[in-house]
PDB file of all heavy atoms in Angstrom:
ATOM      1  N   VAL A   1     -73.518  41.136   1.465  1.00  0.00           N
ATOM      2  CA  VAL A   1     -74.828  41.362   2.076  1.00  0.00           C
ATOM      3  C   VAL A   1     -75.033  42.851   2.365  1.00  0.00           C
ATOM      4  O   VAL A   1     -76.152  43.361   2.247  1.00  0.00           O
ATOM      5  CB  VAL A   1     -74.978  40.506   3.351  1.00  0.00           C
ATOM      6  CG1 VAL A   1     -76.212  40.869   4.129  1.00  0.00           C
ATOM      7  CG2 VAL A   1     -74.994  39.032   2.973  1.00  0.00           C
ATOM      8  N   GLN A   2     -73.974  43.567   2.692  1.00  0.00           N
ATOM      9  CA  GLN A   2     -74.094  45.009   2.904  1.00  0.00           C
ATOM     10  C   GLN A   2     -74.402  45.741   1.606  1.00  0.00           C
ATOM     11  O   GLN A   2     -75.167  46.689   1.592  1.00  0.00           O
ATOM     12  CB  GLN A   2     -72.807  45.558   3.524  1.00  0.00           C
ATOM     13  CG  GLN A   2     -72.601  45.139   4.945  1.00  0.00           C
ATOM     14  CD  GLN A   2     -71.241  45.558   5.496  1.00  0.00           C
ATOM     15  OE1 GLN A   2     -70.368  45.967   4.753  1.00  0.00           O
ATOM     16  NE2 GLN A   2     -71.098  45.454   6.802  1.00  0.00           N
ATOM     17  N   VAL A   3     -73.819  45.256   0.504  1.00  0.00           N
ATOM     18  CA  VAL A   3     -74.051  45.873  -0.806  1.00  0.00           C
ATOM     19  C   VAL A   3     -75.445  45.538  -1.312  1.00  0.00           C
ATOM     20  O   VAL A   3     -76.101  46.357  -1.944  1.00  0.00           O
ATOM     21  CB  VAL A   3     -72.980  45.394  -1.821  1.00  0.00           C
ATOM     22  CG1 VAL A   3     -73.324  45.824  -3.225  1.00  0.00           C
ATOM     23  CG2 VAL A   3     -71.616  45.911  -1.427  1.00  0.00           C
ATOM     24  N   CYS A   4     -75.904  44.337  -1.043  1.00  0.00           N
ATOM     25  CA  CYS A   4     -77.213  43.867  -1.524  1.00  0.00           C
ATOM     26  C   CYS A   4     -78.041  43.394  -0.330  1.00  0.00           C
ATOM     27  O   CYS A   4     -78.043  42.198  -0.014  1.00  0.00           O
ATOM     28  CB  CYS A   4     -77.025  42.747  -2.541  1.00  0.00           C
ATOM     29  SG  CYS A   4     -78.560  42.250  -3.314  1.00  0.00           S
ATOM     30  N   PRO A   5     -78.739  44.300   0.335  1.00  0.00           N
ATOM     31  CA  PRO A   5     -79.460  43.950   1.569  1.00  0.00           C
ATOM     32  C   PRO A   5     -80.587  42.936   1.373  1.00  0.00           C
ATOM     33  O   PRO A   5     -81.083  42.381   2.348  1.00  0.00           O
ATOM     34  CB  PRO A   5     -80.020  45.273   2.063  1.00  0.00           C
ATOM     35  CG  PRO A   5     -79.487  46.331   1.193  1.00  0.00           C
ATOM     36  CD  PRO A   5     -78.812  45.717   0.028  1.00  0.00           C
ATOM     37  N   ALA A   6     -80.998  42.671   0.144  1.00  0.00           N
ATOM     38  CA  ALA A   6     -82.036  41.667  -0.098  1.00  0.00           C
ATOM     39  C   ALA A   6     -81.511  40.256   0.177  1.00  0.00           C
ATOM     40  O   ALA A   6     -82.290  39.335   0.370  1.00  0.00           O
ATOM     41  CB  ALA A   6     -82.542  41.757  -1.540  1.00  0.00           C
ATOM     42  N   LEU A   7     -80.194  40.096   0.197  1.00  0.00           N
ATOM     43  CA  LEU A   7     -79.564  38.804   0.471  1.00  0.00           C
ATOM     44  C   LEU A   7     -79.254  38.683   1.959  1.00  0.00           C
ATOM     45  O   LEU A   7     -79.021  39.687   2.627  1.00  0.00           O
ATOM     46  CB  LEU A   7     -78.274  38.658  -0.324  1.00  0.00           C
ATOM     47  CG  LEU A   7     -78.393  38.737  -1.845  1.00  0.00           C
ATOM     48  CD1 LEU A   7     -77.001  38.724  -2.481  1.00  0.00           C
ATOM     49  CD2 LEU A   7     -79.236  37.606  -2.379  1.00  0.00           C
ATOM     50  N   THR A   8     -79.238  37.451   2.437  1.00  0.00           N
ATOM     51  CA  THR A   8     -78.819  37.205   3.820  1.00  0.00           C
ATOM     52  C   THR A   8     -77.517  36.422   3.791  1.00  0.00           C
ATOM     53  O   THR A   8     -77.199  35.759   2.791  1.00  0.00           O
ATOM     54  CB  THR A   8     -79.866  36.376   4.583  1.00  0.00           C
ATOM     55  OG1 THR A   8     -79.980  35.090   3.969  1.00  0.00           O
ATOM     56  CG2 THR A   8     -81.219  37.074   4.594  1.00  0.00           C
ATOM     57  N   GLU A   9     -76.764  36.505   4.869  1.00  0.00           N
ATOM     58  CA  GLU A   9     -75.510  35.749   4.942  1.00  0.00           C
ATOM     59  C   GLU A   9     -75.769  34.257   4.781  1.00  0.00           C
ATOM     60  O   GLU A   9     -75.060  33.570   4.052  1.00  0.00           O
ATOM     61  CB  GLU A   9     -74.783  36.010   6.267  1.00  0.00           C
ATOM     62  CG  GLU A   9     -74.036  37.316   6.276  1.00  0.00           C
ATOM     63  CD  GLU A   9     -73.124  37.454   7.484  1.00  0.00           C
ATOM     64  OE1 GLU A   9     -72.413  36.476   7.816  1.00  0.00           O
ATOM     65  OE2 GLU A   9     -73.127  38.537   8.082  1.00  0.00           O
ATOM     66  N   GLY A  10     -76.787  33.755   5.446  1.00  0.00           N
ATOM     67  CA  GLY A  10     -77.105  32.331   5.348  1.00  0.00           C
ATOM     68  C   GLY A  10     -77.489  31.937   3.929  1.00  0.00           C
ATOM     69  O   GLY A  10     -77.100  30.871   3.446  1.00  0.00           O
ATOM     70  N   GLY A  11     -78.249  32.778   3.269  1.00  0.00           N
ATOM     71  CA  GLY A  11     -78.639  32.513   1.896  1.00  0.00           C
ATOM     72  C   GLY A  11     -77.453  32.482   0.952  1.00  0.00           C
ATOM     73  O   GLY A  11     -77.341  31.607   0.080  1.00  0.00           O
ATOM     74  N   VAL A  12     -76.544  33.428   1.127  1.00  0.00           N
ATOM     75  CA  VAL A  12     -75.347  33.473   0.288  1.00  0.00           C
ATOM     76  C   VAL A  12     -74.468  32.268   0.564  1.00  0.00           C
ATOM     77  O   VAL A  12     -73.940  31.640  -0.363  1.00  0.00           O
ATOM     78  CB  VAL A  12     -74.562  34.792   0.498  1.00  0.00           C
ATOM     79  CG1 VAL A  12     -73.238  34.760  -0.251  1.00  0.00           C
ATOM     80  CG2 VAL A  12     -75.397  35.985   0.062  1.00  0.00           C
ATOM     81  N   ARG A  13     -74.332  31.889   1.836  1.00  0.00           N
ATOM     82  CA  ARG A  13     -73.523  30.710   2.167  1.00  0.00           C
ATOM     83  C   ARG A  13     -74.129  29.438   1.562  1.00  0.00           C
ATOM     84  O   ARG A  13     -73.403  28.548   1.128  1.00  0.00           O
ATOM     85  CB  ARG A  13     -73.345  30.590   3.673  1.00  0.00           C
ATOM     86  CG  ARG A  13     -72.486  31.716   4.228  1.00  0.00           C
ATOM     87  CD  ARG A  13     -72.232  31.587   5.717  1.00  0.00           C
ATOM     88  NE  ARG A  13     -71.726  32.812   6.281  1.00  0.00           N
ATOM     89  CZ  ARG A  13     -70.508  33.298   6.102  1.00  0.00           C
ATOM     90  NH1 ARG A  13     -69.647  32.636   5.370  1.00  0.00           N
ATOM     91  NH2 ARG A  13     -70.138  34.439   6.657  1.00  0.00           N
ATOM     92  N   ALA A  14     -75.444  29.368   1.512  1.00  0.00           N
ATOM     93  CA  ALA A  14     -76.102  28.211   0.878  1.00  0.00           C
ATOM     94  C   ALA A  14     -75.818  28.196  -0.623  1.00  0.00           C
ATOM     95  O   ALA A  14     -75.568  27.138  -1.210  1.00  0.00           O
ATOM     96  CB  ALA A  14     -77.607  28.252   1.130  1.00  0.00           C
ATOM     97  N   LEU A  15     -75.842  29.379  -1.249  1.00  0.00           N
ATOM     98  CA  LEU A  15     -75.486  29.464  -2.670  1.00  0.00           C
ATOM     99  C   LEU A  15     -74.053  29.006  -2.889  1.00  0.00           C
ATOM    100  O   LEU A  15     -73.761  28.299  -3.857  1.00  0.00           O
ATOM    101  CB  LEU A  15     -75.661  30.899  -3.167  1.00  0.00           C
ATOM    102  CG  LEU A  15     -77.092  31.402  -3.317  1.00  0.00           C
ATOM    103  CD1 LEU A  15     -77.082  32.905  -3.612  1.00  0.00           C
ATOM    104  CD2 LEU A  15     -77.825  30.644  -4.392  1.00  0.00           C
ATOM    105  N   ILE A  16     -73.151  29.426  -2.004  1.00  0.00           N
ATOM    106  CA  ILE A  16     -71.736  29.036  -2.119  1.00  0.00           C
ATOM    107  C   ILE A  16     -71.583  27.522  -1.954  1.00  0.00           C
ATOM    108  O   ILE A  16     -70.859  26.875  -2.696  1.00  0.00           O
ATOM    109  CB  ILE A  16     -70.873  29.806  -1.101  1.00  0.00           C
ATOM    110  CG1 ILE A  16     -70.807  31.282  -1.488  1.00  0.00           C
ATOM    111  CG2 ILE A  16     -69.485  29.203  -0.993  1.00  0.00           C
ATOM    112  CD1 ILE A  16     -70.208  32.190  -0.419  1.00  0.00           C
ATOM    113  N   PHE A  17     -72.298  26.956  -0.990  1.00  0.00           N
ATOM    114  CA  PHE A  17     -72.219  25.515  -0.744  1.00  0.00           C
ATOM    115  C   PHE A  17     -72.638  24.725  -1.980  1.00  0.00           C
ATOM    116  O   PHE A  17     -72.081  23.671  -2.277  1.00  0.00           O
ATOM    117  CB  PHE A  17     -73.098  25.146   0.462  1.00  0.00           C
ATOM    118  CG  PHE A  17     -73.021  23.700   0.840  1.00  0.00           C
ATOM    119  CD1 PHE A  17     -71.945  23.214   1.571  1.00  0.00           C
ATOM    120  CD2 PHE A  17     -74.013  22.816   0.460  1.00  0.00           C
ATOM    121  CE1 PHE A  17     -71.863  21.872   1.921  1.00  0.00           C
ATOM    122  CE2 PHE A  17     -73.952  21.475   0.794  1.00  0.00           C
ATOM    123  CZ  PHE A  17     -72.864  21.008   1.529  1.00  0.00           C
ATOM    124  N   ASN A  18     -73.624  25.240  -2.703  1.00  0.00           N
ATOM    125  CA  ASN A  18     -74.135  24.565  -3.898  1.00  0.00           C
ATOM    126  C   ASN A  18     -73.612  25.190  -5.189  1.00  0.00           C
ATOM    127  O   ASN A  18     -74.234  25.032  -6.250  1.00  0.00           O
ATOM    128  CB  ASN A  18     -75.664  24.613  -3.888  1.00  0.00           C
ATOM    129  CG  ASN A  18     -76.234  23.815  -2.744  1.00  0.00           C
ATOM    130  OD1 ASN A  18     -76.011  22.627  -2.640  1.00  0.00           O
ATOM    131  ND2 ASN A  18     -76.954  24.490  -1.867  1.00  0.00           N
ATOM    132  N   ALA A  19     -72.495  25.864  -5.130  1.00  0.00           N
ATOM    133  CA  ALA A  19     -71.979  26.620  -6.279  1.00  0.00           C
ATOM    134  C   ALA A  19     -71.740  25.772  -7.515  1.00  0.00           C
ATOM    135  O   ALA A  19     -71.946  26.243  -8.636  1.00  0.00           O
ATOM    136  CB  ALA A  19     -70.694  27.350  -5.887  1.00  0.00           C
ATOM    137  N   ASP A  20     -71.327  24.527  -7.347  1.00  0.00           N
ATOM    138  CA  ASP A  20     -71.082  23.672  -8.503  1.00  0.00           C
ATOM    139  C   ASP A  20     -72.384  23.311  -9.226  1.00  0.00           C
ATOM    140  O   ASP A  20     -72.391  23.088 -10.425  1.00  0.00           O
ATOM    141  CB  ASP A  20     -70.345  22.389  -8.099  1.00  0.00           C
ATOM    142  CG  ASP A  20     -68.912  22.675  -7.681  1.00  0.00           C
ATOM    143  OD1 ASP A  20     -68.331  23.650  -8.199  1.00  0.00           O
ATOM    144  OD2 ASP A  20     -68.381  21.933  -6.845  1.00  0.00           O
ATOM    145  N   ARG A  21     -73.474  23.288  -8.485  1.00  0.00           N
ATOM    146  CA  ARG A  21     -74.774  22.924  -9.086  1.00  0.00           C
ATOM    147  C   ARG A  21     -75.539  24.131  -9.620  1.00  0.00           C
ATOM    148  O   ARG A  21     -76.320  23.995 -10.559  1.00  0.00           O
ATOM    149  CB  ARG A  21     -75.638  22.200  -8.065  1.00  0.00           C
ATOM    150  CG  ARG A  21     -75.188  20.761  -7.876  1.00  0.00           C
ATOM    151  CD  ARG A  21     -76.061  20.064  -6.892  1.00  0.00           C
ATOM    152  NE  ARG A  21     -75.339  20.171  -5.613  1.00  0.00           N
ATOM    153  CZ  ARG A  21     -75.828  19.891  -4.440  1.00  0.00           C
ATOM    154  NH1 ARG A  21     -77.059  19.497  -4.330  1.00  0.00           N
ATOM    155  NH2 ARG A  21     -75.103  19.982  -3.360  1.00  0.00           N
ATOM    156  N   ASN A  22     -75.343  25.305  -9.016  1.00  0.00           N
ATOM    157  CA  ASN A  22     -76.137  26.464  -9.421  1.00  0.00           C
ATOM    158  C   ASN A  22     -75.391  27.421 -10.348  1.00  0.00           C
ATOM    159  O   ASN A  22     -75.927  28.454 -10.735  1.00  0.00           O
ATOM    160  CB  ASN A  22     -76.675  27.208  -8.191  1.00  0.00           C
ATOM    161  CG  ASN A  22     -75.562  27.762  -7.306  1.00  0.00           C
ATOM    162  OD1 ASN A  22     -74.464  28.018  -7.757  1.00  0.00           O
ATOM    163  ND2 ASN A  22     -75.880  27.944  -6.034  1.00  0.00           N
ATOM    164  N   GLY A  23     -74.147  27.095 -10.694  1.00  0.00           N
ATOM    165  CA  GLY A  23     -73.394  27.927 -11.633  1.00  0.00           C
ATOM    166  C   GLY A  23     -72.654  29.095 -11.011  1.00  0.00           C
ATOM    167  O   GLY A  23     -72.076  29.915 -11.718  1.00  0.00           O
ATOM    168  N   LEU A  24     -72.639  29.186  -9.701  1.00  0.00           N
ATOM    169  CA  LEU A  24     -71.981  30.298  -9.017  1.00  0.00           C
ATOM    170  C   LEU A  24     -70.464  30.131  -8.922  1.00  0.00           C
ATOM    171  O   LEU A  24     -69.747  31.096  -8.695  1.00  0.00           O
ATOM    172  CB  LEU A  24     -72.574  30.459  -7.603  1.00  0.00           C
ATOM    173  CG  LEU A  24     -72.138  31.670  -6.805  1.00  0.00           C
ATOM    174  CD1 LEU A  24     -72.608  32.954  -7.460  1.00  0.00           C
ATOM    175  CD2 LEU A  24     -72.669  31.593  -5.383  1.00  0.00           C
TER     176      LEU A  24
END
């Protein structure tokens, strides 16, 4: 989030939670 300020911690954690579905 520090490297990419457009992202939020909550948003990244949501991406991680759904990583198997979103390809992350």
